[in-house]
Amino acid sequence: MTNGQPTIGIVGVGRMGANMARRLHDVGYPITRVYDLRPPDELAVEISAQVATTLSEVTDHSDVVITVVTDDAAMRSIFGQNELLDGASGKLFINCATITPSVHVEVERLAEAVGAQSLEACMASSIPQARDGTLYLMCAGQEAAYARAEPILDDLSHRRRFVGPSGTAAQLKALVNMVMNINTAGLAEGLGLAEGLGVDLSLVREVFAETGAASRVLETDAEDMQLRDHEVYFSVSHAAKDSGIALDLATSSGLNLPLATATKCQYDRLVDMGKGALDKSAVAELTFKGRSDQ
């Protein structure tokens, strides 16, 4: 502890992790170590942290470790070889990645086996919210871990919910992203058809906003689709991955979800075209006439 604040290490400092680190630094938390496959030297200088060369170094120098990694494989990699859990007794791990619910359960079990705590904190927000501390967080795990994490969560979010045992927050996050991705693909088709009919897209966006076609995705993505501005906030590759998580949950529940299936096919197609690093709004490149062959 430093000045009453827990020391924090962060594993995975891409767009989201780096901006969470900046936010916590701004509000006074001592960020002791940052770790990423690409050494984050500039970020470390910016937030007065040190770049860790091993995962165990992060744990050694931190009371709380926040992980923001890409997928199941990355999560299993950082926890599976026990390097992050080496000497982790008494530490708290706050895990923010969008991954399969069962992997969160695995991580909690591994942490508890060495006397550590693990909390699932799934984010339903994007880069600007990570930077200014207005994330929407869905948390799951042991209530004691949630209570311990609450002060940090308050500084990262404008709204947080404890939803149940480990795995349940990841289920909810999969549902949120599944519906968001379907809405995004549907909006792209609506705007693409409007352009094909020769209707002014600015007018269409205004009418959509005032009718049953309104949605959060309309607010965030419609203009980008019209202008072909696909600066990444939530990537195509992440949309494909998260749609896959939801479809796996549907399969295990004996459900057929045709809209989610079709949406995943669209995002998979974009990934195959080499557009996985673009924002999810790039699904419009498949629906506007003449774009997909450019």
Protein backbone atom coordinates (compact mmCIF):
# COMPACT_ATOMS: atom_id res chain seq x y z
CA MET A 1 0.00 0.00 0.00
CA THR A 2 1.21 3.54 -0.82
CA ASN A 3 -0.47 6.53 0.87
CA GLY A 4 -3.38 4.26 1.72
CA GLN A 5 -3.87 3.25 -1.91
CA PRO A 6 -3.18 -0.30 -3.12
CA THR A 7 -0.32 -0.64 -5.56
CA ILE A 8 -1.49 -1.75 -8.97
CA GLY A 9 0.07 -3.76 -11.77
CA ILE A 10 -1.51 -4.09 -15.21
CA VAL A 11 -1.07 -7.00 -17.61
CA GLY A 12 -2.17 -6.14 -21.13
CA VAL A 13 -1.86 -2.46 -21.97
CA GLY A 14 -3.38 -2.19 -25.40
CA ARG A 15 -5.95 0.50 -26.09
CA MET A 16 -8.20 -0.37 -23.16
CA GLY A 17 -5.56 -1.40 -20.64
CA ALA A 18 -3.38 1.62 -21.32
CA ASN A 19 -6.24 4.05 -20.84
CA MET A 20 -7.34 2.33 -17.64
CA ALA A 21 -3.76 2.72 -16.42
CA ARG A 22 -3.81 6.44 -17.27
CA ARG A 23 -7.10 6.90 -15.46
CA LEU A 24 -5.92 5.16 -12.30
CA HIS A 25 -2.68 7.12 -12.35
CA ASP A 26 -4.60 10.38 -12.71
CA VAL A 27 -6.70 9.66 -9.61
CA GLY A 28 -3.71 8.81 -7.48
CA TYR A 29 -3.11 5.08 -7.62
CA PRO A 30 0.54 4.03 -7.73
CA ILE A 31 0.96 1.95 -10.88
CA THR A 32 4.06 -0.08 -10.12
CA ARG A 33 4.42 -2.38 -13.12
CA VAL A 34 2.97 -2.71 -16.62
CA TYR A 35 3.41 -5.78 -18.80
CA ASP A 36 2.64 -6.48 -22.43
CA LEU A 37 4.06 -8.61 -25.22
CA ARG A 38 5.15 -5.32 -26.78
CA PRO A 39 7.09 -3.53 -24.01
CA PRO A 40 5.07 -0.37 -23.18
CA ASP A 41 8.02 1.91 -22.55
CA GLU A 42 6.31 5.22 -23.39
CA LEU A 43 3.26 4.43 -21.27
CA ALA A 44 5.45 3.46 -18.33
CA VAL A 45 7.19 6.85 -18.44
CA GLU A 46 3.85 8.64 -18.74
CA ILE A 47 2.36 7.00 -15.63
CA SER A 48 5.58 6.72 -13.60
CA ALA A 49 5.56 2.93 -13.73
CA GLN A 50 8.19 0.37 -14.61
CA VAL A 51 7.99 -2.12 -17.45
CA ALA A 52 7.95 -5.66 -16.07
CA THR A 53 9.94 -8.24 -17.96
CA THR A 54 8.15 -11.17 -16.31
CA LEU A 55 4.64 -11.76 -15.05
CA SER A 56 5.87 -12.70 -11.59
CA GLU A 57 7.49 -9.27 -11.34
CA VAL A 58 4.06 -7.68 -11.75
CA THR A 59 2.65 -9.76 -8.91
CA ASP A 60 5.65 -9.20 -6.66
CA HIS A 61 5.27 -5.41 -6.80
CA SER A 62 1.47 -5.08 -6.77
CA ASP A 63 -1.35 -5.51 -4.28
CA VAL A 64 -3.85 -5.65 -7.13
CA VAL A 65 -3.22 -6.94 -10.66
CA ILE A 66 -5.59 -5.90 -13.46
CA THR A 67 -5.55 -8.08 -16.57
CA VAL A 68 -6.86 -6.87 -19.93
CA VAL A 69 -5.86 -9.53 -22.44
CA THR A 70 -7.26 -10.51 -25.83
CA ASP A 71 -8.78 -13.97 -25.65
CA ASP A 72 -8.98 -17.35 -23.93
CA ALA A 73 -5.53 -18.39 -25.10
CA ALA A 74 -3.90 -15.26 -23.71
CA MET A 75 -5.75 -15.60 -20.40
CA ARG A 76 -4.73 -19.23 -19.99
CA SER A 77 -1.18 -18.31 -20.94
CA ILE A 78 -0.73 -15.69 -18.21
CA PHE A 79 -2.38 -17.77 -15.50
CA GLY A 80 -1.76 -21.32 -16.68
CA GLN A 81 1.97 -21.57 -16.08
CA ASN A 82 1.56 -20.11 -12.58
CA GLU A 83 4.09 -17.34 -13.23
CA LEU A 84 1.48 -14.64 -12.53
CA LEU A 85 0.32 -16.63 -9.50
CA ASP A 86 3.81 -17.22 -8.15
CA GLY A 87 3.86 -15.57 -4.71
CA ALA A 88 0.30 -14.36 -5.20
CA SER A 89 -1.09 -15.21 -1.78
CA GLY A 90 -3.18 -12.28 -0.55
CA LYS A 91 -3.22 -10.56 -3.95
CA LEU A 92 -6.35 -9.54 -5.88
CA PHE A 93 -6.69 -10.11 -9.62
CA ILE A 94 -9.30 -8.05 -11.49
CA ASN A 95 -9.82 -9.64 -14.89
CA CYS A 96 -11.42 -7.45 -17.55
CA ALA A 97 -11.02 -9.45 -20.75
CA THR A 98 -13.99 -10.59 -22.84
CA ILE A 99 -13.41 -14.33 -22.78
CA THR A 100 -15.34 -17.58 -22.43
CA PRO A 101 -17.15 -17.76 -19.07
CA SER A 102 -15.56 -21.10 -18.20
CA VAL A 103 -12.08 -19.55 -18.41
CA HIS A 104 -13.00 -17.00 -15.75
CA VAL A 105 -14.08 -19.93 -13.56
CA GLU A 106 -10.74 -21.65 -14.21
CA VAL A 107 -8.82 -18.52 -13.26
CA GLU A 108 -10.76 -18.09 -10.03
CA ARG A 109 -10.02 -21.69 -9.08
CA LEU A 110 -6.30 -21.26 -9.82
CA ALA A 111 -6.13 -18.03 -7.81
CA GLU A 112 -7.93 -19.48 -4.81
CA ALA A 113 -5.57 -22.47 -4.83
CA VAL A 114 -2.64 -20.14 -4.02
CA GLY A 115 -4.53 -17.97 -1.53
CA ALA A 116 -5.34 -15.13 -3.96
CA GLN A 117 -8.66 -13.58 -4.98
CA SER A 118 -10.02 -13.22 -8.51
CA LEU A 119 -12.79 -10.95 -9.75
CA GLU A 120 -14.35 -10.90 -13.18
CA ALA A 121 -14.97 -7.29 -14.30
CA CYS A 122 -16.33 -7.26 -17.83
CA MET A 123 -16.49 -3.91 -19.58
CA ALA A 124 -19.41 -2.78 -21.74
CA SER A 125 -17.71 0.42 -22.90
CA SER A 126 -14.90 1.61 -25.15
CA ILE A 127 -11.65 3.55 -25.17
CA PRO A 128 -12.95 7.04 -24.23
CA GLN A 129 -14.78 5.60 -21.21
CA ALA A 130 -11.67 3.72 -20.10
CA ARG A 131 -9.75 6.98 -20.21
CA ASP A 132 -12.22 9.14 -18.29
CA GLY A 133 -13.36 6.54 -15.75
CA THR A 134 -16.91 6.05 -17.01
CA LEU A 135 -16.86 2.36 -17.86
CA TYR A 136 -19.93 0.17 -17.38
CA LEU A 137 -18.72 -2.87 -15.42
CA MET A 138 -20.38 -6.23 -14.92
CA CYS A 139 -18.65 -8.06 -12.09
CA ALA A 140 -18.79 -11.65 -10.90
CA GLY A 141 -17.01 -13.92 -8.46
CA GLN A 142 -16.79 -14.05 -4.69
CA GLU A 143 -18.51 -11.17 -2.92
CA ALA A 144 -15.44 -10.64 -0.72
CA ALA A 145 -13.30 -10.03 -3.82
CA TYR A 146 -15.91 -7.61 -5.16
CA ALA A 147 -16.01 -5.69 -1.88
CA ARG A 148 -12.23 -5.40 -1.87
CA ALA A 149 -12.19 -4.13 -5.46
CA GLU A 150 -15.02 -1.61 -5.07
CA PRO A 151 -12.88 1.53 -4.54
CA ILE A 152 -10.88 0.79 -7.70
CA LEU A 153 -14.00 -0.09 -9.66
CA ASP A 154 -15.60 3.20 -8.58
CA ASP A 155 -12.66 5.12 -10.02
CA LEU A 156 -12.90 3.24 -13.32
CA SER A 157 -16.65 3.31 -13.85
CA HIS A 158 -19.85 5.34 -13.75
CA ARG A 159 -21.92 2.19 -13.19
CA ARG A 160 -21.04 -1.23 -11.85
CA ARG A 161 -23.15 -4.27 -11.13
CA PHE A 162 -22.36 -7.44 -9.20
CA VAL A 163 -24.22 -10.14 -11.11
CA GLY A 164 -23.31 -13.41 -9.42
CA PRO A 165 -20.72 -16.19 -9.32
CA SER A 166 -17.71 -16.36 -11.60
CA GLY A 167 -18.65 -16.78 -15.25
CA THR A 168 -21.96 -14.94 -15.11
CA ALA A 169 -20.53 -11.53 -16.00
CA ALA A 170 -18.86 -13.03 -19.06
CA GLN A 171 -22.19 -14.54 -20.08
CA LEU A 172 -23.85 -11.13 -19.84
CA LYS A 173 -21.02 -9.49 -21.74
CA ALA A 174 -21.39 -12.06 -24.51
CA LEU A 175 -25.09 -11.24 -24.73
CA VAL A 176 -24.43 -7.49 -24.81
CA ASN A 177 -21.88 -7.80 -27.58
CA MET A 178 -23.98 -10.29 -29.54
CA VAL A 179 -26.93 -7.88 -29.65
CA MET A 180 -24.65 -4.90 -30.35
CA ASN A 181 -23.00 -6.71 -33.25
CA ILE A 182 -26.38 -7.73 -34.71
CA ASN A 183 -27.55 -4.11 -34.43
CA THR A 184 -24.38 -2.89 -36.12
CA ALA A 185 -24.76 -5.28 -39.04
CA GLY A 186 -28.46 -4.39 -39.34
CA LEU A 187 -27.71 -0.67 -39.39
CA ALA A 188 -25.09 -1.20 -42.08
CA GLU A 189 -27.67 -2.99 -44.24
CA GLY A 190 -30.24 -0.24 -43.69
CA LEU A 191 -27.83 2.52 -44.64
CA GLY A 192 -26.45 0.50 -47.53
CA LEU A 193 -29.94 -0.01 -48.94
CA ALA A 194 -30.77 3.67 -48.44
CA GLU A 195 -27.71 4.67 -50.44
CA GLY A 196 -28.62 2.14 -53.12
CA LEU A 197 -32.06 3.73 -53.38
CA GLY A 198 -30.53 7.18 -53.67
CA VAL A 199 -31.93 8.46 -50.37
CA ASP A 200 -29.84 11.09 -48.58
CA LEU A 201 -28.03 9.29 -45.77
CA SER A 202 -28.02 12.27 -43.43
CA LEU A 203 -31.81 12.38 -43.74
CA VAL A 204 -32.01 8.63 -43.15
CA ARG A 205 -29.94 8.92 -40.00
CA GLU A 206 -32.24 11.66 -38.68
CA VAL A 207 -35.37 9.61 -39.39
CA PHE A 208 -33.85 6.49 -37.85
CA ALA A 209 -33.07 8.47 -34.68
CA GLU A 210 -36.72 9.54 -34.37
CA THR A 211 -38.32 6.15 -35.03
CA GLY A 212 -38.13 2.49 -34.10
CA ALA A 213 -34.79 2.23 -35.93
CA ALA A 214 -33.09 4.24 -33.16
CA SER A 215 -30.32 2.53 -31.21
CA ARG A 216 -27.06 3.21 -29.40
CA VAL A 217 -25.23 1.85 -32.42
CA LEU A 218 -26.97 4.46 -34.59
CA GLU A 219 -25.44 7.12 -32.34
CA THR A 220 -21.93 5.71 -32.41
CA ASP A 221 -21.53 4.13 -35.85
CA ALA A 222 -23.92 5.56 -38.44
CA GLU A 223 -21.90 8.63 -39.42
CA ASP A 224 -18.71 6.54 -39.50
CA MET A 225 -20.40 4.10 -41.87
CA GLN A 226 -21.52 6.94 -44.12
CA LEU A 227 -18.09 8.60 -44.15
CA ARG A 228 -16.11 5.32 -44.19
CA ASP A 229 -14.31 6.43 -41.05
CA HIS A 230 -13.42 3.16 -39.32
CA GLU A 231 -10.94 4.33 -36.69
CA VAL A 232 -10.99 1.49 -34.21
CA TYR A 233 -12.87 1.64 -30.92
CA PHE A 234 -14.14 -1.93 -30.99
CA SER A 235 -12.44 -3.99 -33.65
CA VAL A 236 -13.85 -6.30 -36.29
CA SER A 237 -11.73 -9.15 -34.93
CA HIS A 238 -13.13 -8.64 -31.44
CA ALA A 239 -16.67 -8.54 -32.83
CA ALA A 240 -16.07 -11.87 -34.57
CA LYS A 241 -14.56 -13.41 -31.43
CA ASP A 242 -17.32 -12.19 -29.13
CA SER A 243 -20.05 -13.31 -31.52
CA GLY A 244 -18.42 -16.72 -31.45
CA ILE A 245 -18.50 -16.82 -27.64
CA ALA A 246 -22.23 -16.10 -27.70
CA LEU A 247 -22.88 -18.75 -30.35
CA ASP A 248 -20.96 -21.34 -28.32
CA LEU A 249 -23.18 -20.51 -25.34
CA ALA A 250 -26.23 -20.89 -27.57
CA THR A 251 -25.06 -24.28 -28.79
CA SER A 252 -24.49 -25.47 -25.22
CA SER A 253 -28.04 -24.32 -24.41
CA GLY A 254 -29.55 -26.10 -27.41
CA LEU A 255 -30.54 -22.88 -29.16
CA ASN A 256 -30.28 -21.81 -32.79
CA LEU A 257 -29.58 -18.09 -33.26
CA PRO A 258 -29.77 -17.30 -36.99
CA LEU A 259 -29.19 -13.55 -36.69
CA ALA A 260 -26.13 -13.99 -34.49
CA THR A 261 -24.84 -16.66 -36.88
CA ALA A 262 -25.27 -14.42 -39.92
CA THR A 263 -23.61 -11.51 -38.11
CA LYS A 264 -20.58 -13.60 -37.16
CA CYS A 265 -20.26 -14.66 -40.79
CA GLN A 266 -20.09 -10.99 -41.81
CA TYR A 267 -17.34 -10.22 -39.32
CA ASP A 268 -15.45 -13.41 -40.18
CA ARG A 269 -15.57 -12.34 -43.81
CA LEU A 270 -14.04 -8.97 -42.94
CA VAL A 271 -11.28 -10.69 -40.98
CA ASP A 272 -10.57 -12.92 -44.00
CA MET A 273 -10.35 -9.75 -46.13
CA GLY A 274 -7.62 -8.40 -43.84
CA LYS A 275 -9.88 -5.81 -42.19
CA GLY A 276 -9.87 -7.27 -38.68
CA ALA A 277 -8.09 -4.28 -37.18
CA LEU A 278 -10.76 -1.80 -38.35
CA ASP A 279 -13.66 -0.71 -36.19
CA LYS A 280 -16.80 -2.88 -36.24
CA SER A 281 -18.50 -0.09 -38.24
CA ALA A 282 -16.49 -1.46 -41.17
CA VAL A 283 -19.21 -4.09 -41.62
CA ALA A 284 -20.76 -1.37 -43.82
CA GLU A 285 -18.00 -2.08 -46.34
CA LEU A 286 -19.87 -5.31 -47.10
CA THR A 287 -23.31 -3.74 -47.51
CA PHE A 288 -22.76 -0.49 -49.43
CA LYS A 289 -22.79 -1.03 -53.18
CA GLY A 290 -19.33 -1.11 -54.73
CA ARG A 291 -17.34 -0.94 -51.49
CA SER A 292 -16.38 -4.55 -50.88
CA ASP A 293 -14.57 -4.83 -54.22
CA GLN A 294 -12.48 -1.68 -53.69
